[in-house]
Protein backbone atom coordinates (compact mmCIF):
# COMPACT_ATOMS: atom_id res chain seq x y z
CA MET A 1 -11.64 -0.12 -14.46
CA GLN A 2 -12.96 2.92 -16.28
CA GLU A 3 -10.68 5.93 -15.95
CA MET A 4 -12.01 8.61 -13.70
CA GLY A 5 -10.78 11.79 -12.05
CA ARG A 6 -9.56 12.28 -8.52
CA ILE A 7 -10.62 9.47 -6.20
CA TRP A 8 -9.50 10.90 -2.85
CA LYS A 9 -12.09 12.30 -0.43
CA LYS A 10 -9.42 13.14 2.15
CA ASN A 11 -6.74 15.67 1.26
CA TYR A 12 -3.59 14.53 3.05
CA SER A 13 -0.12 15.64 2.07
CA LEU A 14 2.69 13.10 1.84
CA GLU A 15 4.11 14.58 5.06
CA GLU A 16 0.80 13.99 6.87
CA ILE A 17 0.58 10.41 5.61
CA ASN A 18 4.14 9.69 6.73
CA ARG A 19 3.46 11.26 10.14
CA PHE A 20 0.29 9.13 10.49
CA ALA A 21 2.38 5.98 9.97
CA LYS A 22 4.82 6.72 12.82
CA GLU A 23 5.17 4.23 15.69
CA SER A 24 3.74 1.33 13.68
CA ILE A 25 5.00 -1.52 11.52
CA VAL A 26 5.14 1.01 8.68
CA GLU A 27 7.87 3.00 10.42
CA ASN A 28 9.55 -0.14 11.79
CA VAL A 29 10.27 -1.52 8.30
CA GLY A 30 11.16 1.89 6.86
CA ILE A 31 8.21 2.46 4.52
CA GLU A 32 8.00 6.03 3.24
CA PHE A 33 5.22 7.48 1.10
CA ILE A 34 6.87 9.38 -1.77
CA GLU A 35 4.34 10.26 -4.47
CA MET A 36 0.64 10.75 -4.95
CA SER A 37 -1.54 11.61 -7.94
CA ASP A 38 -5.31 11.77 -8.39
CA ARG A 39 -5.41 7.97 -8.83
CA PHE A 40 -2.37 6.34 -7.20
CA ILE A 41 0.04 6.45 -4.28
CA LYS A 42 3.68 5.30 -4.22
CA ALA A 43 5.86 4.30 -1.28
CA THR A 44 9.36 2.92 -0.89
CA MET A 45 10.77 0.33 1.49
CA PRO A 46 14.44 -0.49 2.08
CA VAL A 47 15.81 -3.96 1.52
CA ASP A 48 17.90 -4.26 4.68
CA LYS A 49 18.15 -6.21 7.95
CA ARG A 50 14.56 -5.19 8.81
CA THR A 51 13.05 -6.64 5.63
CA ILE A 52 15.22 -9.56 4.46
CA GLN A 53 14.81 -13.24 5.28
CA PRO A 54 17.69 -15.50 6.45
CA LEU A 55 18.92 -16.13 2.89
CA GLY A 56 19.50 -12.38 2.46
CA ILE A 57 16.67 -11.64 0.03
CA LEU A 58 13.59 -9.49 0.53
CA HIS A 59 11.12 -11.37 2.71
CA GLY A 60 7.81 -12.03 0.95
CA GLY A 61 6.01 -10.94 4.10
CA ALA A 62 7.75 -7.57 3.93
CA SER A 63 6.44 -7.13 0.39
CA VAL A 64 2.96 -7.92 1.69
CA VAL A 65 3.39 -5.33 4.46
CA LEU A 66 4.24 -2.72 1.82
CA ALA A 67 1.28 -3.79 -0.34
CA GLU A 68 -1.24 -3.75 2.50
CA THR A 69 0.09 -0.43 3.79
CA LEU A 70 -0.40 1.17 0.39
CA GLY A 71 -3.83 -0.36 -0.19
CA SER A 72 -5.10 0.46 3.28
CA MET A 73 -3.97 4.08 3.11
CA ALA A 74 -5.43 4.49 -0.38
CA SER A 75 -8.74 3.02 0.75
CA HIS A 76 -8.81 5.26 3.82
CA MET A 77 -8.34 8.31 1.62
CA THR A 78 -11.32 7.40 -0.62
CA LEU A 79 -13.80 7.20 2.28
CA ASP A 80 -15.77 9.92 4.05
CA LYS A 81 -15.55 10.46 7.83
CA ASP A 82 -18.50 8.11 8.44
CA HIS A 83 -16.76 5.05 6.95
CA TYR A 84 -13.58 3.04 7.40
CA SER A 85 -12.17 -0.06 5.76
CA VAL A 86 -10.30 -3.17 6.84
CA GLY A 87 -8.49 -5.73 4.76
CA ILE A 88 -10.19 -9.08 4.32
CA GLU A 89 -7.86 -10.71 1.78
CA ILE A 90 -4.45 -10.09 0.29
CA LYS A 91 -2.73 -12.11 -2.42
CA ALA A 92 0.87 -11.72 -3.50
CA ASN A 93 2.93 -13.26 -6.27
CA HIS A 94 6.67 -12.94 -5.74
CA ILE A 95 8.31 -12.67 -9.15
CA LYS A 96 11.93 -11.65 -8.66
CA SER A 97 14.26 -11.51 -5.66
CA ILE A 98 16.25 -8.51 -4.47
CA THR A 99 19.10 -8.40 -1.92
CA LYS A 100 19.79 -4.69 -1.41
CA GLY A 101 18.54 -1.23 -2.20
CA PHE A 102 14.91 -0.19 -2.18
CA VAL A 103 11.63 -1.38 -3.60
CA THR A 104 8.83 0.94 -4.65
CA GLY A 105 5.16 0.03 -4.50
CA LYS A 106 2.40 1.70 -6.49
CA VAL A 107 -1.27 1.19 -5.60
CA LYS A 108 -4.14 1.69 -8.06
CA PRO A 109 -7.87 1.01 -7.67
CA ILE A 110 -9.61 -1.88 -9.39
CA HIS A 111 -13.03 -1.59 -7.69
CA LEU A 112 -14.29 1.17 -5.40
CA GLY A 113 -17.67 -0.09 -4.25
CA GLN A 114 -19.91 0.93 -1.38
CA THR A 115 -19.18 -2.26 0.59
CA THR A 116 -15.89 -3.53 -0.86
CA GLN A 117 -12.79 -2.17 -2.51
CA ILE A 118 -10.11 -3.96 -4.53
CA TRP A 119 -6.64 -2.48 -5.08
CA ASP A 120 -3.70 -3.65 -7.21
CA ILE A 121 -0.18 -3.05 -5.95
CA ASP A 122 2.95 -3.46 -8.09
CA ILE A 123 6.29 -3.55 -6.30
CA LYS A 124 9.40 -2.86 -8.39
CA ASN A 125 13.15 -2.52 -7.85
CA ASN A 126 15.21 0.54 -8.82
CA LYS A 127 15.61 -0.88 -12.36
CA ASP A 128 11.79 -0.83 -12.76
CA GLN A 129 11.71 -4.65 -12.68
CA LEU A 130 8.64 -6.25 -11.14
CA ILE A 131 9.40 -7.87 -7.78
CA CYS A 132 5.87 -8.61 -6.55
CA VAL A 133 2.27 -8.13 -7.65
CA SER A 134 -0.40 -8.01 -5.00
CA ARG A 135 -4.17 -7.58 -4.78
CA LEU A 136 -5.87 -6.33 -1.63
CA THR A 137 -9.59 -6.62 -0.91
CA LEU A 138 -11.11 -4.48 1.83
CA VAL A 139 -14.57 -4.32 3.34
CA VAL A 140 -16.05 -0.85 3.87
CA LEU A 141 -17.78 -0.38 7.22
CA GLU A 142 -19.79 2.39 8.80
CA VAL A 143 -18.44 4.13 11.89
CA LEU A 144 -20.84 3.39 14.73
CA PRO A 145 -22.13 6.37 16.71
CA GLY A 146 -20.76 6.96 20.17
């Protein structure tokens, strides 16, 4: 994707984004938005009893929750008040396991079209090792009047 400037149409602070995510799966698994630039957003998620599978490693579904959370929020922030987006496909490749600590996801745009958006999400451990790569596709819809 060609480099461009700021992609956000909505100007939320990290505090506002984290408040928006309260009382949802985002809060339930401990996701916290921690960094934002003109072109990406980062969030962390703990690897603990809320996010591990029975063998004690990070559940792949938890990684997908982090990826879709990041991609959905990023998409929301690129749209004007007359549009919204919903995910239509997510793919995830789980590369390395992790048993404790935190993972950090970073979302970046691949395609920001009028009807679809595609976002790449890399999830890494605290040693900057890749845990999961994910790609989220969203459809952009118009808010109906009334």
